[in-house]
């Protein structure tokens, strides 16, 4: 989620951290399919996202880690940007 117009020095500064916090979007993630038959790793990823039941919804900041986990599990979840 790097902003292309900023230099590397700005990314390392405290100013970028303030800007980045304001720019972050939120994601609403809903589990729409069962994890039965999924691998242990996929089940662990669902747990890490906070999803334990079918049709449960959680909200997370759109960090690269959360986006990566959501993309790996997109066959079991629905992702909405807020």
C-alpha atoms as a PDB file:
ATOM      1  CA  UNK A   1       0.000   0.000   0.000  1.00  0.00           C
ATOM      2  CA  UNK A   2       2.810   2.350  -0.835  1.00  0.00           C
ATOM      3  CA  UNK A   3       1.905   5.663  -2.384  1.00  0.00           C
ATOM      4  CA  UNK A   4       4.024   5.894  -5.573  1.00  0.00           C
ATOM      5  CA  UNK A   5       4.550   9.650  -5.456  1.00  0.00           C
ATOM      6  CA  UNK A   6       6.428   9.587  -2.129  1.00  0.00           C
ATOM      7  CA  UNK A   7      10.176   9.021  -1.862  1.00  0.00           C
ATOM      8  CA  UNK A   8      11.773   6.314   0.285  1.00  0.00           C
ATOM      9  CA  UNK A   9      12.867   8.883   2.856  1.00  0.00           C
ATOM     10  CA  UNK A  10       9.268   9.923   3.406  1.00  0.00           C
ATOM     11  CA  UNK A  11       8.239   6.282   3.979  1.00  0.00           C
ATOM     12  CA  UNK A  12      10.775   6.024   6.798  1.00  0.00           C
ATOM     13  CA  UNK A  13       9.692   9.261   8.443  1.00  0.00           C
ATOM     14  CA  UNK A  14       7.017   9.672  11.066  1.00  0.00           C
ATOM     15  CA  UNK A  15       5.023  11.891   8.696  1.00  0.00           C
ATOM     16  CA  UNK A  16       4.299   8.922   6.404  1.00  0.00           C
ATOM     17  CA  UNK A  17       3.023   6.876   9.332  1.00  0.00           C
ATOM     18  CA  UNK A  18       0.501   9.608  10.148  1.00  0.00           C
ATOM     19  CA  UNK A  19      -0.632   9.789   6.515  1.00  0.00           C
ATOM     20  CA  UNK A  20      -0.793   5.999   6.151  1.00  0.00           C
ATOM     21  CA  UNK A  21      -3.044   5.611   9.188  1.00  0.00           C
ATOM     22  CA  UNK A  22      -5.544   8.070   7.719  1.00  0.00           C
ATOM     23  CA  UNK A  23      -5.465   6.476   4.242  1.00  0.00           C
ATOM     24  CA  UNK A  24      -6.110   2.888   5.403  1.00  0.00           C
ATOM     25  CA  UNK A  25      -9.472   1.555   4.419  1.00  0.00           C
ATOM     26  CA  UNK A  26     -11.467  -1.024   6.307  1.00  0.00           C
ATOM     27  CA  UNK A  27     -12.520  -4.408   5.000  1.00  0.00           C
ATOM     28  CA  UNK A  28     -15.660  -6.299   5.956  1.00  0.00           C
ATOM     29  CA  UNK A  29     -14.992 -10.020   5.621  1.00  0.00           C
ATOM     30  CA  UNK A  30     -17.805 -12.596   5.774  1.00  0.00           C
ATOM     31  CA  UNK A  31     -17.380 -16.361   5.705  1.00  0.00           C
ATOM     32  CA  UNK A  32     -19.775 -17.738   3.079  1.00  0.00           C
ATOM     33  CA  UNK A  33     -18.585 -21.349   2.736  1.00  0.00           C
ATOM     34  CA  UNK A  34     -17.676 -24.013   5.253  1.00  0.00           C
ATOM     35  CA  UNK A  35     -14.084 -24.852   6.061  1.00  0.00           C
ATOM     36  CA  UNK A  36     -14.871 -28.575   6.167  1.00  0.00           C
ATOM     37  CA  UNK A  37     -12.477 -30.286   3.792  1.00  0.00           C
ATOM     38  CA  UNK A  38      -9.996 -27.417   3.890  1.00  0.00           C
ATOM     39  CA  UNK A  39      -6.385 -27.913   4.897  1.00  0.00           C
ATOM     40  CA  UNK A  40      -5.149 -27.142   8.418  1.00  0.00           C
ATOM     41  CA  UNK A  41      -3.350 -24.117   7.047  1.00  0.00           C
ATOM     42  CA  UNK A  42      -6.556 -22.719   5.509  1.00  0.00           C
ATOM     43  CA  UNK A  43      -8.464 -23.314   8.736  1.00  0.00           C
ATOM     44  CA  UNK A  44      -5.730 -21.524  10.670  1.00  0.00           C
ATOM     45  CA  UNK A  45      -5.952 -18.576   8.281  1.00  0.00           C
ATOM     46  CA  UNK A  46      -9.711 -18.322   8.852  1.00  0.00           C
ATOM     47  CA  UNK A  47      -9.082 -18.377  12.614  1.00  0.00           C
ATOM     48  CA  UNK A  48      -6.451 -15.655  12.235  1.00  0.00           C
ATOM     49  CA  UNK A  49      -8.987 -13.522  10.378  1.00  0.00           C
ATOM     50  CA  UNK A  50     -11.387 -14.024  13.297  1.00  0.00           C
ATOM     51  CA  UNK A  51     -13.870 -16.194  11.422  1.00  0.00           C
ATOM     52  CA  UNK A  52     -15.202 -19.168  13.359  1.00  0.00           C
ATOM     53  CA  UNK A  53     -18.746 -19.687  12.068  1.00  0.00           C
ATOM     54  CA  UNK A  54     -20.540 -19.594   8.758  1.00  0.00           C
ATOM     55  CA  UNK A  55     -21.972 -16.140   7.887  1.00  0.00           C
ATOM     56  CA  UNK A  56     -19.892 -14.483  10.616  1.00  0.00           C
ATOM     57  CA  UNK A  57     -18.648 -11.016   9.689  1.00  0.00           C
ATOM     58  CA  UNK A  58     -15.511  -9.247  10.939  1.00  0.00           C
ATOM     59  CA  UNK A  59     -13.974  -5.874  10.117  1.00  0.00           C
ATOM     60  CA  UNK A  60     -10.236  -5.321   9.725  1.00  0.00           C
ATOM     61  CA  UNK A  61      -7.950  -2.511   8.608  1.00  0.00           C
ATOM     62  CA  UNK A  62      -6.792  -3.060   5.022  1.00  0.00           C
ATOM     63  CA  UNK A  63      -3.181  -3.901   5.871  1.00  0.00           C
ATOM     64  CA  UNK A  64      -1.054  -5.924   3.432  1.00  0.00           C
ATOM     65  CA  UNK A  65      -1.167  -8.889   5.830  1.00  0.00           C
ATOM     66  CA  UNK A  66      -4.958  -8.939   6.047  1.00  0.00           C
ATOM     67  CA  UNK A  67      -5.334  -8.409   2.282  1.00  0.00           C
ATOM     68  CA  UNK A  68      -2.956 -11.304   1.619  1.00  0.00           C
ATOM     69  CA  UNK A  69      -4.839 -13.645   3.945  1.00  0.00           C
ATOM     70  CA  UNK A  70      -8.173 -12.611   2.449  1.00  0.00           C
ATOM     71  CA  UNK A  71      -6.921 -13.183  -1.107  1.00  0.00           C
ATOM     72  CA  UNK A  72      -5.769 -16.696  -0.190  1.00  0.00           C
ATOM     73  CA  UNK A  73      -9.193 -17.498   1.278  1.00  0.00           C
ATOM     74  CA  UNK A  74     -11.365 -15.763  -1.312  1.00  0.00           C
ATOM     75  CA  UNK A  75     -13.030 -19.083  -2.252  1.00  0.00           C
ATOM     76  CA  UNK A  76     -14.511 -19.256   1.279  1.00  0.00           C
ATOM     77  CA  UNK A  77     -15.169 -15.601   2.084  1.00  0.00           C
ATOM     78  CA  UNK A  78     -16.783 -12.446   0.750  1.00  0.00           C
ATOM     79  CA  UNK A  79     -14.768  -9.221   0.957  1.00  0.00           C
ATOM     80  CA  UNK A  80     -16.302  -5.732   0.999  1.00  0.00           C
ATOM     81  CA  UNK A  81     -14.366  -2.483   1.214  1.00  0.00           C
ATOM     82  CA  UNK A  82     -15.840   0.141   3.519  1.00  0.00           C
END
